[in-house]
C-alpha cells in the first residue's frame, strides 16, 4: 500500500513537470522592452496629453521634438515603452523623477523651436 502511494506521488510529479518547464520557458522567452521609435513615442505622448486634457498645447512638430529628446535621454527602454503605450507609468520613483526632469527639459527645448 505504501509503495502504491509513492508511485502515485511520483507520477503526479512527473505529470506536473512539463507544465512547470513550459511556464518557465515562456517566462524566459519574454524579451525586455526595446527602445520605441520616435513615431511610437510621439503617439504615446499625444495620448497622455489628450487624456490629461492638454492635447492642444503642443503641435505635432513639438511632440515629435519632445519624443526625440526623450529617446536621446537616459530614460530606460521600459519606461519609454510605457510612454509609447500611452501609459504615464514608470518602473520606480527614481525613474519617475528622471522622466519628469527629462520631459520638463524637452518641453522647454521644443517649445522654443
N, C-alpha and C. Protein backbone atom coordinates (compact mmCIF):
# COMPACT_ATOMS: atom_id res chain seq x y z
N UNK A 1 0.82 -1.19 0.00
CA UNK A 1 0.00 0.00 0.00
C UNK A 1 0.86 1.26 0.00
N UNK A 2 1.88 1.28 0.80
CA UNK A 2 2.78 2.42 0.86
C UNK A 2 3.53 2.60 -0.46
N UNK A 3 3.92 1.51 -1.11
CA UNK A 3 4.61 1.58 -2.39
C UNK A 3 3.70 2.19 -3.45
N UNK A 4 2.43 1.82 -3.43
CA UNK A 4 1.46 2.35 -4.38
C UNK A 4 1.31 3.86 -4.20
N UNK A 5 1.29 4.33 -2.96
CA UNK A 5 1.15 5.76 -2.68
C UNK A 5 2.37 6.52 -3.21
N UNK A 6 3.58 6.00 -3.01
CA UNK A 6 4.79 6.64 -3.52
C UNK A 6 4.79 6.68 -5.04
N UNK A 7 4.29 5.64 -5.67
CA UNK A 7 4.22 5.59 -7.12
C UNK A 7 3.28 6.66 -7.66
N UNK A 8 2.14 6.82 -6.99
CA UNK A 8 1.19 7.86 -7.42
C UNK A 8 1.78 9.25 -7.23
N UNK A 9 2.50 9.47 -6.15
CA UNK A 9 3.13 10.77 -5.92
C UNK A 9 4.15 11.06 -7.01
N UNK A 10 4.98 10.09 -7.34
CA UNK A 10 5.97 10.27 -8.40
C UNK A 10 5.29 10.54 -9.74
N UNK A 11 4.22 9.83 -10.01
CA UNK A 11 3.50 10.02 -11.27
C UNK A 11 2.95 11.43 -11.34
N UNK A 12 2.39 11.92 -10.26
CA UNK A 12 1.86 13.29 -10.24
C UNK A 12 2.98 14.30 -10.47
N UNK A 13 4.12 14.08 -9.84
CA UNK A 13 5.25 14.99 -10.04
C UNK A 13 5.72 14.98 -11.49
N UNK A 14 5.79 13.79 -12.07
CA UNK A 14 6.22 13.69 -13.47
C UNK A 14 5.22 14.33 -14.41
N UNK A 15 3.94 14.25 -14.09
CA UNK A 15 2.93 14.90 -14.92
C UNK A 15 2.98 16.42 -14.78
N UNK A 16 3.34 16.92 -13.62
CA UNK A 16 3.41 18.36 -13.38
C UNK A 16 4.67 18.97 -13.96
N UNK A 17 5.70 18.18 -14.16
CA UNK A 17 6.98 18.69 -14.63
C UNK A 17 6.89 19.40 -15.98
N UNK A 18 6.23 18.85 -17.00
CA UNK A 18 6.15 19.57 -18.27
C UNK A 18 5.44 20.92 -18.16
N UNK A 19 4.45 21.00 -17.29
CA UNK A 19 3.75 22.26 -17.10
C UNK A 19 4.68 23.30 -16.50
N UNK A 20 5.45 22.91 -15.50
CA UNK A 20 6.39 23.83 -14.87
C UNK A 20 7.47 24.27 -15.85
N UNK A 21 7.97 23.33 -16.64
CA UNK A 21 9.00 23.66 -17.63
C UNK A 21 8.45 24.61 -18.67
N UNK A 22 7.23 24.37 -19.13
CA UNK A 22 6.63 25.25 -20.14
C UNK A 22 6.44 26.66 -19.58
N UNK A 23 5.98 26.76 -18.35
CA UNK A 23 5.78 28.08 -17.74
C UNK A 23 7.10 28.82 -17.60
N UNK A 24 8.14 28.11 -17.17
CA UNK A 24 9.45 28.73 -17.03
C UNK A 24 9.99 29.16 -18.39
N UNK A 25 9.81 28.34 -19.40
CA UNK A 25 10.29 28.66 -20.74
C UNK A 25 9.62 29.90 -21.29
N UNK A 26 8.32 30.00 -21.08
CA UNK A 26 7.61 31.17 -21.56
C UNK A 26 8.07 32.43 -20.85
N UNK A 27 8.32 32.33 -19.56
CA UNK A 27 8.81 33.48 -18.80
C UNK A 27 10.20 33.88 -19.27
N UNK A 28 11.03 32.92 -19.58
CA UNK A 28 12.39 33.20 -20.03
C UNK A 28 12.41 33.79 -21.43
N UNK A 29 11.40 33.47 -22.22
CA UNK A 29 11.36 33.95 -23.61
C UNK A 29 10.90 35.39 -23.72
N UNK A 30 10.24 35.90 -22.70
CA UNK A 30 9.77 37.27 -22.81
C UNK A 30 10.97 38.20 -22.84
N UNK A 31 11.06 38.95 -23.90
CA UNK A 31 12.22 39.81 -24.08
C UNK A 31 12.01 41.14 -23.38
N UNK A 32 13.09 41.76 -22.97
CA UNK A 32 12.96 43.07 -22.35
C UNK A 32 12.48 44.09 -23.38
N UNK A 33 11.91 45.16 -22.89
CA UNK A 33 11.40 46.19 -23.78
C UNK A 33 12.54 46.79 -24.60
N UNK A 34 12.24 47.07 -25.85
CA UNK A 34 13.20 47.76 -26.70
C UNK A 34 12.83 49.23 -26.75
N UNK A 35 13.78 50.06 -27.08
CA UNK A 35 13.52 51.48 -27.19
C UNK A 35 12.50 51.69 -28.31
N UNK A 36 11.42 52.40 -28.04
CA UNK A 36 10.41 52.61 -29.07
C UNK A 36 10.89 53.59 -30.14
N UNK A 37 10.23 53.57 -31.27
CA UNK A 37 10.56 54.52 -32.33
C UNK A 37 10.05 55.90 -31.92
N UNK A 38 10.55 56.91 -32.60
CA UNK A 38 10.12 58.28 -32.32
C UNK A 38 8.63 58.44 -32.60
N UNK A 39 8.15 57.81 -33.69
CA UNK A 39 6.73 57.91 -34.02
C UNK A 39 5.85 57.25 -32.95
N UNK A 40 6.28 56.08 -32.48
CA UNK A 40 5.51 55.39 -31.44
C UNK A 40 5.49 56.22 -30.15
N UNK A 41 6.64 56.78 -29.81
CA UNK A 41 6.73 57.59 -28.60
C UNK A 41 5.88 58.85 -28.74
N UNK A 42 5.91 59.47 -29.91
CA UNK A 42 5.08 60.66 -30.16
C UNK A 42 3.60 60.35 -29.98
N UNK A 43 3.17 59.22 -30.51
CA UNK A 43 1.76 58.81 -30.38
C UNK A 43 1.38 58.62 -28.91
N UNK A 44 2.27 57.99 -28.16
CA UNK A 44 2.00 57.78 -26.74
C UNK A 44 1.96 59.08 -25.96
N UNK A 45 2.89 59.98 -26.27
CA UNK A 45 2.91 61.29 -25.60
C UNK A 45 1.61 62.03 -25.90
N UNK A 46 1.19 62.00 -27.17
CA UNK A 46 -0.05 62.69 -27.55
C UNK A 46 -1.25 62.10 -26.83
N UNK A 47 -1.27 60.78 -26.67
CA UNK A 47 -2.38 60.13 -25.95
C UNK A 47 -2.39 60.57 -24.49
N UNK A 48 -1.21 60.60 -23.86
CA UNK A 48 -1.13 61.04 -22.46
C UNK A 48 -1.60 62.49 -22.33
N UNK A 49 -1.18 63.33 -23.27
CA UNK A 49 -1.62 64.74 -23.25
C UNK A 49 -3.13 64.84 -23.45
N UNK A 50 -3.66 64.09 -24.42
CA UNK A 50 -5.11 64.10 -24.67
C UNK A 50 -5.89 63.64 -23.45
N UNK A 51 -5.42 62.56 -22.83
CA UNK A 51 -6.10 62.03 -21.64
C UNK A 51 -6.08 63.03 -20.49
N UNK A 52 -5.05 63.87 -20.44
CA UNK A 52 -4.94 64.88 -19.39
C UNK A 52 -5.58 66.20 -19.75
N UNK A 53 -6.25 66.26 -20.91
CA UNK A 53 -6.90 67.49 -21.34
C UNK A 53 -5.93 68.53 -21.88
N UNK A 54 -4.72 68.10 -22.24
CA UNK A 54 -3.71 69.03 -22.73
C UNK A 54 -3.33 68.76 -24.19
N UNK A 55 -4.20 68.08 -24.90
CA UNK A 55 -3.89 67.65 -26.26
C UNK A 55 -3.61 68.77 -27.24
N UNK A 56 -4.15 69.96 -26.99
CA UNK A 56 -3.95 71.07 -27.92
C UNK A 56 -2.82 72.01 -27.51
N UNK A 57 -2.05 71.64 -26.51
CA UNK A 57 -0.97 72.50 -26.02
C UNK A 57 0.28 72.47 -26.89
N UNK A 58 0.48 71.37 -27.62
CA UNK A 58 1.68 71.22 -28.46
C UNK A 58 1.26 70.76 -29.85
N UNK A 59 1.95 71.30 -30.86
CA UNK A 59 1.68 70.83 -32.22
C UNK A 59 2.47 69.55 -32.50
N UNK A 60 2.21 68.95 -33.65
CA UNK A 60 2.86 67.67 -33.99
C UNK A 60 4.38 67.79 -34.02
N UNK A 61 4.88 68.91 -34.52
CA UNK A 61 6.33 69.11 -34.59
C UNK A 61 6.95 69.17 -33.20
N UNK A 62 6.28 69.84 -32.28
CA UNK A 62 6.78 69.93 -30.91
C UNK A 62 6.73 68.57 -30.21
N UNK A 63 5.66 67.81 -30.41
CA UNK A 63 5.56 66.48 -29.80
C UNK A 63 6.65 65.57 -30.35
N UNK A 64 6.91 65.68 -31.65
CA UNK A 64 7.98 64.88 -32.26
C UNK A 64 9.34 65.27 -31.69
N UNK A 65 9.55 66.55 -31.48
CA UNK A 65 10.80 67.04 -30.89
C UNK A 65 10.95 66.51 -29.46
N UNK A 66 9.88 66.56 -28.69
CA UNK A 66 9.91 66.04 -27.31
C UNK A 66 10.25 64.56 -27.33
N UNK A 67 9.63 63.84 -28.25
CA UNK A 67 9.89 62.41 -28.39
C UNK A 67 11.36 62.14 -28.68
N UNK A 68 11.94 62.89 -29.61
CA UNK A 68 13.36 62.72 -29.95
C UNK A 68 14.26 63.01 -28.75
N UNK A 69 13.92 64.04 -28.00
CA UNK A 69 14.70 64.39 -26.81
C UNK A 69 14.66 63.27 -25.78
N UNK A 70 13.48 62.68 -25.60
CA UNK A 70 13.35 61.60 -24.62
C UNK A 70 14.10 60.35 -25.07
N UNK A 71 14.06 60.06 -26.35
CA UNK A 71 14.78 58.89 -26.86
C UNK A 71 16.29 59.05 -26.64
N UNK A 72 16.78 60.27 -26.77
CA UNK A 72 18.21 60.53 -26.58
C UNK A 72 18.60 60.64 -25.11
N UNK A 73 17.64 60.55 -24.21
CA UNK A 73 17.91 60.70 -22.78
C UNK A 73 18.33 59.37 -22.16
N UNK A 74 18.53 59.40 -20.85
CA UNK A 74 18.91 58.20 -20.10
C UNK A 74 17.69 57.44 -19.56
N UNK A 75 16.50 57.79 -20.00
CA UNK A 75 15.29 57.09 -19.58
C UNK A 75 15.36 55.66 -20.09
N UNK A 76 15.01 54.71 -19.25
CA UNK A 76 15.11 53.29 -19.61
C UNK A 76 14.17 52.94 -20.76
N UNK A 77 14.53 51.88 -21.46
CA UNK A 77 13.70 51.40 -22.57
C UNK A 77 12.29 51.06 -22.08
N UNK A 78 12.19 50.43 -20.91
CA UNK A 78 10.87 50.04 -20.39
C UNK A 78 10.01 51.26 -20.09
N UNK A 79 10.60 52.29 -19.49
CA UNK A 79 9.83 53.49 -19.18
C UNK A 79 9.42 54.22 -20.45
N UNK A 80 10.30 54.24 -21.45
CA UNK A 80 9.92 54.85 -22.73
C UNK A 80 8.82 54.04 -23.41
N UNK A 81 8.90 52.71 -23.31
CA UNK A 81 7.86 51.87 -23.92
C UNK A 81 6.52 52.10 -23.24
N UNK A 82 6.53 52.30 -21.92
CA UNK A 82 5.28 52.61 -21.22
C UNK A 82 4.67 53.90 -21.75
N UNK A 83 5.51 54.91 -21.97
CA UNK A 83 5.03 56.18 -22.51
C UNK A 83 4.51 55.96 -23.93
N UNK A 84 5.23 55.21 -24.74
CA UNK A 84 4.79 54.93 -26.11
C UNK A 84 3.45 54.21 -26.12
N UNK A 85 3.19 53.42 -25.09
CA UNK A 85 1.91 52.72 -24.96
C UNK A 85 0.80 53.63 -24.42
N UNK A 86 1.15 54.90 -24.18
CA UNK A 86 0.16 55.85 -23.68
C UNK A 86 -0.07 55.76 -22.18
N UNK A 87 0.89 55.16 -21.48
CA UNK A 87 0.76 54.99 -20.02
C UNK A 87 1.81 55.85 -19.32
N UNK A 88 1.35 56.70 -18.45
CA UNK A 88 2.27 57.53 -17.65
C UNK A 88 2.63 56.75 -16.39
N UNK A 89 3.37 55.65 -16.60
CA UNK A 89 3.74 54.74 -15.52
C UNK A 89 5.24 54.47 -15.63
N UNK A 90 5.95 54.63 -14.52
CA UNK A 90 7.38 54.36 -14.52
C UNK A 90 7.68 53.17 -13.61
N UNK A 91 8.87 52.61 -13.80
CA UNK A 91 9.24 51.39 -13.09
C UNK A 91 9.51 51.61 -11.61
N UNK A 92 9.92 52.82 -11.22
CA UNK A 92 10.18 53.12 -9.81
C UNK A 92 10.23 54.63 -9.62
N UNK A 93 10.41 55.07 -8.39
CA UNK A 93 10.40 56.50 -8.10
C UNK A 93 11.56 57.23 -8.77
N UNK A 94 12.72 56.61 -8.80
CA UNK A 94 13.88 57.22 -9.46
C UNK A 94 13.59 57.44 -10.95
N UNK A 95 12.97 56.45 -11.57
CA UNK A 95 12.61 56.56 -12.98
C UNK A 95 11.56 57.66 -13.18
N UNK A 96 10.62 57.75 -12.27
CA UNK A 96 9.59 58.79 -12.35
C UNK A 96 10.22 60.18 -12.28
N UNK A 97 11.17 60.35 -11.37
CA UNK A 97 11.87 61.63 -11.25
C UNK A 97 12.65 61.95 -12.52
N UNK A 98 13.30 60.95 -13.09
CA UNK A 98 14.07 61.15 -14.31
C UNK A 98 13.16 61.52 -15.48
N UNK A 99 12.04 60.83 -15.61
CA UNK A 99 11.09 61.14 -16.69
C UNK A 99 10.58 62.57 -16.54
N UNK A 100 10.24 62.96 -15.32
CA UNK A 100 9.75 64.33 -15.08
C UNK A 100 10.80 65.36 -15.46
N UNK A 101 12.04 65.12 -15.05
CA UNK A 101 13.14 66.05 -15.35
C UNK A 101 13.37 66.14 -16.85
N UNK A 102 13.49 64.99 -17.50
CA UNK A 102 13.77 64.97 -18.94
C UNK A 102 12.60 65.56 -19.74
N UNK A 103 11.38 65.27 -19.32
CA UNK A 103 10.21 65.81 -20.01
C UNK A 103 10.17 67.33 -19.88
N UNK A 104 10.45 67.85 -18.69
CA UNK A 104 10.47 69.30 -18.49
C UNK A 104 11.51 69.97 -19.38
N UNK A 105 12.71 69.39 -19.42
CA UNK A 105 13.77 69.94 -20.26
C UNK A 105 13.40 69.86 -21.74
N UNK A 106 12.79 68.76 -22.14
CA UNK A 106 12.39 68.59 -23.54
C UNK A 106 11.32 69.60 -23.93
N UNK A 107 10.37 69.84 -23.04
CA UNK A 107 9.31 70.80 -23.33
C UNK A 107 9.90 72.20 -23.52
N UNK A 108 10.82 72.58 -22.65
CA UNK A 108 11.46 73.90 -22.77
C UNK A 108 12.22 74.00 -24.09
N UNK A 109 13.00 72.97 -24.41
CA UNK A 109 13.78 72.96 -25.65
C UNK A 109 12.87 73.01 -26.87
N UNK A 110 11.83 72.21 -26.88
CA UNK A 110 11.00 72.06 -28.07
C UNK A 110 9.95 73.16 -28.22
N UNK A 111 9.56 73.78 -27.14
CA UNK A 111 8.57 74.86 -27.22
C UNK A 111 9.18 76.12 -27.81
N UNK A 112 10.51 76.25 -27.69
CA UNK A 112 11.19 77.43 -28.23
C UNK A 112 11.35 77.34 -29.75
N UNK A 113 11.35 76.10 -30.28
CA UNK A 113 11.61 75.89 -31.70
C UNK A 113 10.47 76.12 -32.60
